[in-house]
All heavy atoms as atom14 arrays in JSON, in Angstrom:
{
  "sequence": "AALKIDRHIRPIPYLEKSDSQKKKDIVWILMDEYGSSISLKNQFNF",
  "atom14_mask": [
    [1, 1, 1, 1, 1, 0, 0, 0, 0, 0, 0, 0, 0, 0],
    [1, 1, 1, 1, 1, 0, 0, 0, 0, 0, 0, 0, 0, 0],
    [1, 1, 1, 1, 1, 1, 1, 1, 0, 0, 0, 0, 0, 0],
    [1, 1, 1, 1, 1, 1, 1, 1, 1, 0, 0, 0, 0, 0],
    [1, 1, 1, 1, 1, 1, 1, 1, 0, 0, 0, 0, 0, 0],
    [1, 1, 1, 1, 1, 1, 1, 1, 0, 0, 0, 0, 0, 0],
    [1, 1, 1, 1, 1, 1, 1, 1, 1, 1, 1, 0, 0, 0],
    [1, 1, 1, 1, 1, 1, 1, 1, 1, 1, 0, 0, 0, 0],
    [1, 1, 1, 1, 1, 1, 1, 1, 0, 0, 0, 0, 0, 0],
    [1, 1, 1, 1, 1, 1, 1, 1, 1, 1, 1, 0, 0, 0],
    [1, 1, 1, 1, 1, 1, 1, 0, 0, 0, 0, 0, 0, 0],
    [1, 1, 1, 1, 1, 1, 1, 1, 0, 0, 0, 0, 0, 0],
    [1, 1, 1, 1, 1, 1, 1, 0, 0, 0, 0, 0, 0, 0],
    [1, 1, 1, 1, 1, 1, 1, 1, 1, 1, 1, 1, 0, 0],
    [1, 1, 1, 1, 1, 1, 1, 1, 0, 0, 0, 0, 0, 0],
    [1, 1, 1, 1, 1, 1, 1, 1, 1, 0, 0, 0, 0, 0],
    [1, 1, 1, 1, 1, 1, 1, 1, 1, 0, 0, 0, 0, 0],
    [1, 1, 1, 1, 1, 1, 0, 0, 0, 0, 0, 0, 0, 0],
    [1, 1, 1, 1, 1, 1, 1, 1, 0, 0, 0, 0, 0, 0],
    [1, 1, 1, 1, 1, 1, 0, 0, 0, 0, 0, 0, 0, 0],
    [1, 1, 1, 1, 1, 1, 1, 1, 1, 0, 0, 0, 0, 0],
    [1, 1, 1, 1, 1, 1, 1, 1, 1, 0, 0, 0, 0, 0],
    [1, 1, 1, 1, 1, 1, 1, 1, 1, 0, 0, 0, 0, 0],
    [1, 1, 1, 1, 1, 1, 1, 1, 1, 0, 0, 0, 0, 0],
    [1, 1, 1, 1, 1, 1, 1, 1, 0, 0, 0, 0, 0, 0],
    [1, 1, 1, 1, 1, 1, 1, 1, 0, 0, 0, 0, 0, 0],
    [1, 1, 1, 1, 1, 1, 1, 0, 0, 0, 0, 0, 0, 0],
    [1, 1, 1, 1, 1, 1, 1, 1, 1, 1, 1, 1, 1, 1],
    [1, 1, 1, 1, 1, 1, 1, 1, 0, 0, 0, 0, 0, 0],
    [1, 1, 1, 1, 1, 1, 1, 1, 0, 0, 0, 0, 0, 0],
    [1, 1, 1, 1, 1, 1, 1, 1, 0, 0, 0, 0, 0, 0],
    [1, 1, 1, 1, 1, 1, 1, 1, 0, 0, 0, 0, 0, 0],
    [1, 1, 1, 1, 1, 1, 1, 1, 1, 0, 0, 0, 0, 0],
    [1, 1, 1, 1, 1, 1, 1, 1, 1, 1, 1, 1, 0, 0],
    [1, 1, 1, 1, 0, 0, 0, 0, 0, 0, 0, 0, 0, 0],
    [1, 1, 1, 1, 1, 1, 0, 0, 0, 0, 0, 0, 0, 0],
    [1, 1, 1, 1, 1, 1, 0, 0, 0, 0, 0, 0, 0, 0],
    [1, 1, 1, 1, 1, 1, 1, 1, 0, 0, 0, 0, 0, 0],
    [1, 1, 1, 1, 1, 1, 0, 0, 0, 0, 0, 0, 0, 0],
    [1, 1, 1, 1, 1, 1, 1, 1, 0, 0, 0, 0, 0, 0],
    [1, 1, 1, 1, 1, 1, 1, 1, 1, 0, 0, 0, 0, 0],
    [1, 1, 1, 1, 1, 1, 1, 1, 0, 0, 0, 0, 0, 0],
    [1, 1, 1, 1, 1, 1, 1, 1, 1, 0, 0, 0, 0, 0],
    [1, 1, 1, 1, 1, 1, 1, 1, 1, 1, 1, 0, 0, 0],
    [1, 1, 1, 1, 1, 1, 1, 1, 0, 0, 0, 0, 0, 0],
    [1, 1, 1, 1, 1, 1, 1, 1, 1, 1, 1, 0, 0, 0]
  ],
  "atom14_positions": [
    [[0.82, -1.21, 0.0], [0.0, 0.0, 0.0], [0.85, 1.26, 0.0], [0.43, 2.32, -0.47], [-0.92, 0.0, 1.22], [0.0, 0.0, 0.0], [0.0, 0.0, 0.0], [0.0, 0.0, 0.0], [0.0, 0.0, 0.0], [0.0, 0.0, 0.0], [0.0, 0.0, 0.0], [0.0, 0.0, 0.0], [0.0, 0.0, 0.0], [0.0, 0.0, 0.0]],
    [[2.08, 1.12, 0.53], [2.97, 2.28, 0.62], [3.82, 2.49, -0.62], [4.51, 3.5, -0.74], [3.88, 2.13, 1.84], [0.0, 0.0, 0.0], [0.0, 0.0, 0.0], [0.0, 0.0, 0.0], [0.0, 0.0, 0.0], [0.0, 0.0, 0.0], [0.0, 0.0, 0.0], [0.0, 0.0, 0.0], [0.0, 0.0, 0.0], [0.0, 0.0, 0.0]],
    [[3.78, 1.54, -1.57], [4.63, 1.66, -2.75], [4.15, 2.78, -3.66], [2.96, 2.89, -3.96], [4.64, 0.34, -3.55], [5.24, -0.86, -2.82], [5.17, -2.09, -3.73], [6.67, -0.59, -2.41], [0.0, 0.0, 0.0], [0.0, 0.0, 0.0], [0.0, 0.0, 0.0], [0.0, 0.0, 0.0], [0.0, 0.0, 0.0], [0.0, 0.0, 0.0]],
    [[5.08, 3.59, -4.11], [4.74, 4.72, -4.98], [5.0, 4.31, -6.43], [5.86, 4.86, -7.11], [5.56, 5.95, -4.59], [5.3, 6.39, -3.15], [6.17, 7.56, -2.75], [5.89, 7.98, -1.31], [6.74, 9.11, -0.87], [0.0, 0.0, 0.0], [0.0, 0.0, 0.0], [0.0, 0.0, 0.0], [0.0, 0.0, 0.0], [0.0, 0.0, 0.0]],
    [[4.23, 3.33, -6.87], [4.47, 2.76, -8.2], [3.72, 3.51, -9.29], [4.1, 3.47, -10.45], [4.08, 1.26, -8.2], [4.46, 0.57, -9.51], [2.59, 1.1, -7.97], [5.91, 0.37, -9.65], [0.0, 0.0, 0.0], [0.0, 0.0, 0.0], [0.0, 0.0, 0.0], [0.0, 0.0, 0.0], [0.0, 0.0, 0.0], [0.0, 0.0, 0.0]],
    [[2.6, 4.18, -8.94], [1.74, 4.77, -9.95], [2.31, 6.1, -10.44], [1.83, 7.18, -10.12], [0.32, 4.98, -9.39], [-0.32, 3.66, -9.01], [-0.13, 2.69, -9.76], [-0.98, 3.6, -7.96], [0.0, 0.0, 0.0], [0.0, 0.0, 0.0], [0.0, 0.0, 0.0], [0.0, 0.0, 0.0], [0.0, 0.0, 0.0], [0.0, 0.0, 0.0]],
    [[3.34, 5.98, -11.23], [3.97, 7.18, -11.79], [3.38, 7.45, -13.17], [3.13, 6.54, -13.94], [5.48, 6.97, -11.92], [6.15, 6.7, -10.58], [7.64, 6.68, -10.75], [8.31, 6.42, -9.47], [9.62, 6.5, -9.32], [10.39, 6.8, -10.32], [10.16, 6.25, -8.15], [0.0, 0.0, 0.0], [0.0, 0.0, 0.0], [0.0, 0.0, 0.0]],
    [[3.17, 8.7, -13.44], [2.61, 9.07, -14.74], [3.73, 9.65, -15.61], [4.71, 10.2, -15.11], [1.5, 10.11, -14.56], [0.38, 9.64, -13.69], [-0.55, 8.72, -14.11], [0.05, 9.93, -12.4], [-1.41, 8.49, -13.14], [-1.06, 9.21, -12.08], [0.0, 0.0, 0.0], [0.0, 0.0, 0.0], [0.0, 0.0, 0.0], [0.0, 0.0, 0.0]],
    [[3.55, 9.51, -16.92], [4.53, 10.07, -17.84], [4.57, 11.59, -17.63], [3.54, 12.26, -17.66], [4.15, 9.75, -19.29], [4.22, 8.23, -19.52], [5.06, 10.47, -20.28], [3.73, 7.81, -20.87], [0.0, 0.0, 0.0], [0.0, 0.0, 0.0], [0.0, 0.0, 0.0], [0.0, 0.0, 0.0], [0.0, 0.0, 0.0], [0.0, 0.0, 0.0]],
    [[5.73, 12.08, -17.41], [5.87, 13.52, -17.21], [5.49, 14.28, -18.47], [5.86, 13.88, -19.57], [7.31, 13.86, -16.84], [7.72, 13.42, -15.45], [9.11, 13.91, -15.17], [9.49, 13.71, -13.8], [10.57, 14.24, -13.24], [11.37, 14.99, -13.97], [10.86, 14.02, -11.98], [0.0, 0.0, 0.0], [0.0, 0.0, 0.0], [0.0, 0.0, 0.0]],
    [[4.76, 15.38, -18.34], [4.45, 16.17, -19.54], [5.73, 16.78, -20.11], [6.47, 17.48, -19.43], [3.5, 17.25, -19.01], [3.77, 17.33, -17.54], [4.2, 15.95, -17.11], [0.0, 0.0, 0.0], [0.0, 0.0, 0.0], [0.0, 0.0, 0.0], [0.0, 0.0, 0.0], [0.0, 0.0, 0.0], [0.0, 0.0, 0.0], [0.0, 0.0, 0.0]],
    [[6.01, 16.48, -21.36], [7.2, 17.0, -22.03], [6.75, 17.93, -23.15], [6.32, 17.47, -24.22], [8.07, 15.86, -22.61], [8.37, 14.81, -21.54], [9.36, 16.41, -23.2], [9.25, 15.28, -20.42], [0.0, 0.0, 0.0], [0.0, 0.0, 0.0], [0.0, 0.0, 0.0], [0.0, 0.0, 0.0], [0.0, 0.0, 0.0], [0.0, 0.0, 0.0]],
    [[6.77, 19.22, -22.94], [6.22, 20.15, -23.93], [7.14, 20.42, -25.11], [6.76, 21.09, -26.05], [6.01, 21.43, -23.11], [7.09, 21.37, -22.08], [7.26, 19.92, -21.74], [0.0, 0.0, 0.0], [0.0, 0.0, 0.0], [0.0, 0.0, 0.0], [0.0, 0.0, 0.0], [0.0, 0.0, 0.0], [0.0, 0.0, 0.0], [0.0, 0.0, 0.0]],
    [[8.36, 19.87, -25.07], [9.35, 20.27, -26.05], [9.19, 19.58, -27.4], [9.57, 20.11, -28.44], [10.76, 19.98, -25.53], [10.96, 20.33, -24.08], [11.24, 19.33, -23.15], [10.83, 21.64, -23.63], [11.41, 19.64, -21.81], [11.0, 21.94, -22.29], [11.29, 20.94, -21.39], [11.45, 21.24, -20.08], [0.0, 0.0, 0.0], [0.0, 0.0, 0.0]],
    [[8.65, 18.35, -27.39], [8.67, 17.55, -28.61], [7.32, 17.57, -29.33], [6.26, 17.52, -28.7], [9.03, 16.1, -28.28], [10.38, 15.89, -27.61], [10.58, 14.42, -27.29], [11.51, 16.38, -28.49], [0.0, 0.0, 0.0], [0.0, 0.0, 0.0], [0.0, 0.0, 0.0], [0.0, 0.0, 0.0], [0.0, 0.0, 0.0], [0.0, 0.0, 0.0]],
    [[7.37, 17.61, -30.66], [6.18, 17.54, -31.48], [6.36, 16.45, -32.52], [7.44, 16.3, -33.1], [5.9, 18.87, -32.17], [5.58, 20.0, -31.19], [5.28, 21.3, -31.92], [5.14, 21.24, -33.16], [5.17, 22.34, -31.25], [0.0, 0.0, 0.0], [0.0, 0.0, 0.0], [0.0, 0.0, 0.0], [0.0, 0.0, 0.0], [0.0, 0.0, 0.0]],
    [[5.29, 15.7, -32.79], [5.37, 14.58, -33.7], [5.75, 15.02, -35.11], [6.44, 14.31, -35.84], [4.05, 13.82, -33.73], [4.14, 12.47, -34.42], [2.93, 11.63, -34.16], [3.09, 10.24, -34.75], [1.94, 9.37, -34.46], [0.0, 0.0, 0.0], [0.0, 0.0, 0.0], [0.0, 0.0, 0.0], [0.0, 0.0, 0.0], [0.0, 0.0, 0.0]],
    [[5.31, 16.2, -35.49], [5.58, 16.66, -36.85], [7.07, 16.87, -37.11], [7.51, 16.89, -38.25], [4.84, 17.98, -37.1], [5.25, 18.97, -36.16], [0.0, 0.0, 0.0], [0.0, 0.0, 0.0], [0.0, 0.0, 0.0], [0.0, 0.0, 0.0], [0.0, 0.0, 0.0], [0.0, 0.0, 0.0], [0.0, 0.0, 0.0], [0.0, 0.0, 0.0]],
    [[7.84, 17.0, -36.04], [9.28, 17.23, -36.19], [10.07, 15.94, -36.18], [11.31, 15.97, -36.18], [9.79, 18.12, -35.05], [9.14, 19.49, -35.07], [8.82, 19.99, -36.17], [8.96, 20.05, -33.98], [0.0, 0.0, 0.0], [0.0, 0.0, 0.0], [0.0, 0.0, 0.0], [0.0, 0.0, 0.0], [0.0, 0.0, 0.0], [0.0, 0.0, 0.0]],
    [[9.39, 14.78, -36.14], [10.1, 13.52, -35.89], [11.14, 13.21, -36.96], [12.16, 12.59, -36.66], [9.1, 12.36, -35.79], [8.4, 12.21, -37.01], [0.0, 0.0, 0.0], [0.0, 0.0, 0.0], [0.0, 0.0, 0.0], [0.0, 0.0, 0.0], [0.0, 0.0, 0.0], [0.0, 0.0, 0.0], [0.0, 0.0, 0.0], [0.0, 0.0, 0.0]],
    [[10.9, 13.6, -38.2], [11.87, 13.3, -39.26], [13.16, 14.09, -39.1], [14.18, 13.73, -39.69], [11.24, 13.57, -40.63], [10.06, 12.65, -40.96], [10.44, 11.19, -40.91], [11.48, 10.79, -41.42], [9.6, 10.37, -40.28], [0.0, 0.0, 0.0], [0.0, 0.0, 0.0], [0.0, 0.0, 0.0], [0.0, 0.0, 0.0], [0.0, 0.0, 0.0]],
    [[13.12, 15.16, -38.34], [14.32, 15.98, -38.14], [15.13, 15.51, -36.94], [16.23, 15.99, -36.71], [13.91, 17.44, -37.92], [13.1, 18.04, -39.06], [12.67, 19.45, -38.71], [11.76, 20.04, -39.78], [11.29, 21.4, -39.4], [0.0, 0.0, 0.0], [0.0, 0.0, 0.0], [0.0, 0.0, 0.0], [0.0, 0.0, 0.0], [0.0, 0.0, 0.0]],
    [[14.59, 14.59, -36.18], [15.24, 14.23, -34.93], [16.41, 13.28, -35.16], [16.38, 12.42, -36.02], [14.21, 13.59, -33.99], [13.01, 14.53, -33.76], [12.31, 14.2, -32.5], [11.05, 15.05, -32.33], [11.2, 16.45, -32.69], [0.0, 0.0, 0.0], [0.0, 0.0, 0.0], [0.0, 0.0, 0.0], [0.0, 0.0, 0.0], [0.0, 0.0, 0.0]],
    [[17.41, 13.47, -34.34], [18.6, 12.63, -34.43], [18.37, 11.28, -33.76], [17.66, 11.17, -32.76], [19.77, 13.33, -33.73], [20.18, 14.66, -34.35], [20.92, 14.45, -35.66], [21.47, 15.77, -36.19], [22.14, 15.59, -37.49], [0.0, 0.0, 0.0], [0.0, 0.0, 0.0], [0.0, 0.0, 0.0], [0.0, 0.0, 0.0], [0.0, 0.0, 0.0]],
    [[19.0, 10.24, -34.31], [19.01, 8.95, -33.62], [19.72, 9.1, -32.27], [20.68, 9.88, -32.13], [19.76, 7.91, -34.45], [18.98, 7.44, -35.66], [17.8, 7.81, -35.77], [19.54, 6.7, -36.48], [0.0, 0.0, 0.0], [0.0, 0.0, 0.0], [0.0, 0.0, 0.0], [0.0, 0.0, 0.0], [0.0, 0.0, 0.0], [0.0, 0.0, 0.0]],
    [[19.24, 8.35, -31.29], [19.87, 8.31, -29.96], [20.42, 6.91, -29.74], [19.67, 5.93, -29.84], [18.87, 8.67, -28.85], [18.25, 10.04, -29.1], [19.55, 8.63, -27.48], [17.1, 10.36, -28.15], [0.0, 0.0, 0.0], [0.0, 0.0, 0.0], [0.0, 0.0, 0.0], [0.0, 0.0, 0.0], [0.0, 0.0, 0.0], [0.0, 0.0, 0.0]],
    [[21.7, 6.81, -29.46], [22.33, 5.52, -29.19], [22.97, 5.59, -27.81], [23.9, 6.37, -27.59], [23.4, 5.17, -30.25], [24.01, 3.81, -29.96], [22.81, 5.21, -31.66], [0.0, 0.0, 0.0], [0.0, 0.0, 0.0], [0.0, 0.0, 0.0], [0.0, 0.0, 0.0], [0.0, 0.0, 0.0], [0.0, 0.0, 0.0], [0.0, 0.0, 0.0]],
    [[22.44, 4.82, -26.89], [22.98, 4.81, -25.52], [23.65, 3.45, -25.3], [22.98, 2.43, -25.27], [21.87, 5.02, -24.5], [22.37, 5.36, -23.11], [23.4, 4.78, -22.43], [21.83, 6.38, -22.23], [23.56, 5.35, -21.2], [22.61, 6.34, -21.05], [20.79, 7.28, -22.33], [22.36, 7.19, -19.97], [20.54, 8.13, -21.25], [21.31, 8.09, -20.1]],
    [[24.97, 3.48, -25.16], [25.74, 2.25, -24.92], [26.11, 2.23, -23.43], [26.92, 3.06, -22.98], [27.0, 2.2, -25.79], [26.62, 2.31, -27.28], [27.78, 0.91, -25.54], [27.81, 2.45, -28.21], [0.0, 0.0, 0.0], [0.0, 0.0, 0.0], [0.0, 0.0, 0.0], [0.0, 0.0, 0.0], [0.0, 0.0, 0.0], [0.0, 0.0, 0.0]],
    [[25.52, 1.33, -22.7], [25.79, 1.24, -21.27], [26.78, 0.12, -21.0], [26.53, -1.04, -21.33], [24.5, 1.0, -20.48], [24.73, 1.05, -18.97], [23.86, 2.1, -18.32], [24.49, -0.3, -18.33], [0.0, 0.0, 0.0], [0.0, 0.0, 0.0], [0.0, 0.0, 0.0], [0.0, 0.0, 0.0], [0.0, 0.0, 0.0], [0.0, 0.0, 0.0]],
    [[27.91, 0.47, -20.4], [28.95, -0.48, -20.03], [28.82, -0.76, -18.53], [29.1, 0.11, -17.7], [30.33, 0.07, -20.35], [30.48, 0.6, -21.77], [30.46, -0.7, -23.02], [32.1, -1.39, -22.77], [0.0, 0.0, 0.0], [0.0, 0.0, 0.0], [0.0, 0.0, 0.0], [0.0, 0.0, 0.0], [0.0, 0.0, 0.0], [0.0, 0.0, 0.0]],
    [[28.38, -1.94, -18.19], [28.02, -2.27, -16.82], [29.21, -2.18, -15.87], [30.24, -2.82, -16.09], [27.43, -3.69, -16.78], [26.45, -3.88, -15.64], [26.81, -3.53, -14.5], [25.34, -4.34, -15.9], [0.0, 0.0, 0.0], [0.0, 0.0, 0.0], [0.0, 0.0, 0.0], [0.0, 0.0, 0.0], [0.0, 0.0, 0.0], [0.0, 0.0, 0.0]],
    [[29.06, -1.37, -14.82], [30.07, -1.18, -13.76], [31.33, -0.47, -14.25], [32.4, -0.62, -13.67], [30.42, -2.52, -13.1], [30.92, -2.36, -11.68], [31.0, -3.66, -10.9], [31.01, -4.74, -11.53], [31.05, -3.59, -9.67], [0.0, 0.0, 0.0], [0.0, 0.0, 0.0], [0.0, 0.0, 0.0], [0.0, 0.0, 0.0], [0.0, 0.0, 0.0]],
    [[31.19, 0.34, -15.3], [32.33, 1.11, -15.81], [32.44, 2.39, -14.99], [31.59, 3.27, -15.07], [32.1, 1.45, -17.29], [33.35, 1.85, -18.05], [33.74, 1.17, -19.2], [34.15, 2.91, -17.63], [34.87, 1.53, -19.91], [35.28, 3.28, -18.32], [35.64, 2.58, -19.47], [36.77, 2.94, -20.17], [0.0, 0.0, 0.0], [0.0, 0.0, 0.0]],
    [[33.49, 2.51, -14.18], [33.67, 3.65, -13.31], [34.22, 4.86, -14.03], [34.82, 4.75, -15.1], [0.0, 0.0, 0.0], [0.0, 0.0, 0.0], [0.0, 0.0, 0.0], [0.0, 0.0, 0.0], [0.0, 0.0, 0.0], [0.0, 0.0, 0.0], [0.0, 0.0, 0.0], [0.0, 0.0, 0.0], [0.0, 0.0, 0.0], [0.0, 0.0, 0.0]],
    [[34.03, 6.02, -13.46], [34.57, 7.26, -14.03], [36.1, 7.2, -14.08], [36.74, 6.5, -13.29], [34.13, 8.46, -13.2], [34.83, 8.48, -11.96], [0.0, 0.0, 0.0], [0.0, 0.0, 0.0], [0.0, 0.0, 0.0], [0.0, 0.0, 0.0], [0.0, 0.0, 0.0], [0.0, 0.0, 0.0], [0.0, 0.0, 0.0], [0.0, 0.0, 0.0]],
    [[36.66, 7.94, -15.0], [38.11, 7.93, -15.16], [38.82, 8.46, -13.92], [39.93, 8.03, -13.59], [38.51, 8.74, -16.39], [37.98, 8.14, -17.56], [0.0, 0.0, 0.0], [0.0, 0.0, 0.0], [0.0, 0.0, 0.0], [0.0, 0.0, 0.0], [0.0, 0.0, 0.0], [0.0, 0.0, 0.0], [0.0, 0.0, 0.0], [0.0, 0.0, 0.0]],
    [[38.17, 9.4, -13.22], [38.77, 9.95, -11.99], [38.85, 8.86, -10.92], [39.87, 8.71, -10.24], [37.96, 11.15, -11.49], [38.09, 12.32, -12.48], [38.43, 11.59, -10.1], [37.22, 13.52, -12.13], [0.0, 0.0, 0.0], [0.0, 0.0, 0.0], [0.0, 0.0, 0.0], [0.0, 0.0, 0.0], [0.0, 0.0, 0.0], [0.0, 0.0, 0.0]],
    [[37.78, 8.08, -10.79], [37.8, 7.02, -9.79], [38.79, 5.92, -10.17], [39.45, 5.33, -9.3], [36.4, 6.43, -9.61], [36.0, 5.67, -10.73], [0.0, 0.0, 0.0], [0.0, 0.0, 0.0], [0.0, 0.0, 0.0], [0.0, 0.0, 0.0], [0.0, 0.0, 0.0], [0.0, 0.0, 0.0], [0.0, 0.0, 0.0], [0.0, 0.0, 0.0]],
    [[38.91, 5.63, -11.47], [39.88, 4.62, -11.91], [41.3, 5.08, -11.6], [42.15, 4.27, -11.2], [39.73, 4.36, -13.41], [38.41, 3.73, -13.87], [38.39, 3.6, -15.39], [38.22, 2.36, -13.22], [0.0, 0.0, 0.0], [0.0, 0.0, 0.0], [0.0, 0.0, 0.0], [0.0, 0.0, 0.0], [0.0, 0.0, 0.0], [0.0, 0.0, 0.0]],
    [[41.55, 6.37, -11.77], [42.88, 6.9, -11.48], [43.19, 6.83, -9.98], [44.27, 6.39, -9.57], [42.96, 8.36, -11.96], [44.23, 9.1, -11.56], [45.48, 8.47, -12.16], [46.72, 9.26, -11.77], [47.97, 8.61, -12.27], [0.0, 0.0, 0.0], [0.0, 0.0, 0.0], [0.0, 0.0, 0.0], [0.0, 0.0, 0.0], [0.0, 0.0, 0.0]],
    [[42.21, 7.23, -9.16], [42.45, 7.32, -7.72], [42.42, 5.96, -7.02], [43.08, 5.79, -6.0], [41.4, 8.24, -7.09], [41.59, 9.69, -7.51], [42.66, 10.08, -7.97], [40.55, 10.49, -7.38], [0.0, 0.0, 0.0], [0.0, 0.0, 0.0], [0.0, 0.0, 0.0], [0.0, 0.0, 0.0], [0.0, 0.0, 0.0], [0.0, 0.0, 0.0]],
    [[41.64, 5.01, -7.57], [41.51, 3.72, -6.88], [42.39, 2.62, -7.48], [42.81, 1.72, -6.78], [40.05, 3.26, -6.92], [39.1, 4.16, -6.15], [37.75, 3.52, -5.97], [37.42, 3.03, -4.88], [36.95, 3.49, -7.02], [0.0, 0.0, 0.0], [0.0, 0.0, 0.0], [0.0, 0.0, 0.0], [0.0, 0.0, 0.0], [0.0, 0.0, 0.0]],
    [[42.64, 2.72, -8.8], [43.39, 1.66, -9.48], [44.71, 2.17, -10.07], [45.44, 1.39, -10.68], [42.55, 1.07, -10.61], [41.32, 0.33, -10.16], [40.12, 0.99, -10.01], [41.37, -1.03, -9.9], [38.98, 0.32, -9.6], [40.23, -1.72, -9.5], [39.04, -1.04, -9.34], [0.0, 0.0, 0.0], [0.0, 0.0, 0.0], [0.0, 0.0, 0.0]],
    [[44.95, 3.48, -9.92], [46.14, 4.09, -10.53], [46.16, 3.81, -12.05], [47.21, 3.51, -12.63], [47.42, 3.55, -9.88], [48.62, 4.43, -10.2], [48.49, 5.63, -10.42], [49.81, 3.83, -10.23], [0.0, 0.0, 0.0], [0.0, 0.0, 0.0], [0.0, 0.0, 0.0], [0.0, 0.0, 0.0], [0.0, 0.0, 0.0], [0.0, 0.0, 0.0]],
    [[44.99, 3.94, -12.66], [44.84, 3.63, -14.08], [44.42, 4.9, -14.83], [43.41, 5.53, -14.52], [43.77, 2.55, -14.27], [43.47, 2.22, -15.71], [44.35, 1.46, -16.45], [42.29, 2.68, -16.3], [44.06, 1.15, -17.78], [42.0, 2.36, -17.62], [42.89, 1.61, -18.36], [0.0, 0.0, 0.0], [0.0, 0.0, 0.0], [0.0, 0.0, 0.0]]
  ]
}
């Protein structure tokens, strides 16, 4: 009963369907457990 699962899509006023052909492809490559370069330098001397 306490779970806040009922989330609604946030209103995004910026995008319009008519502009879809002009939009750039989005490619998100996620590398699992890849740490920031600063942390790699400070923790692994890499």
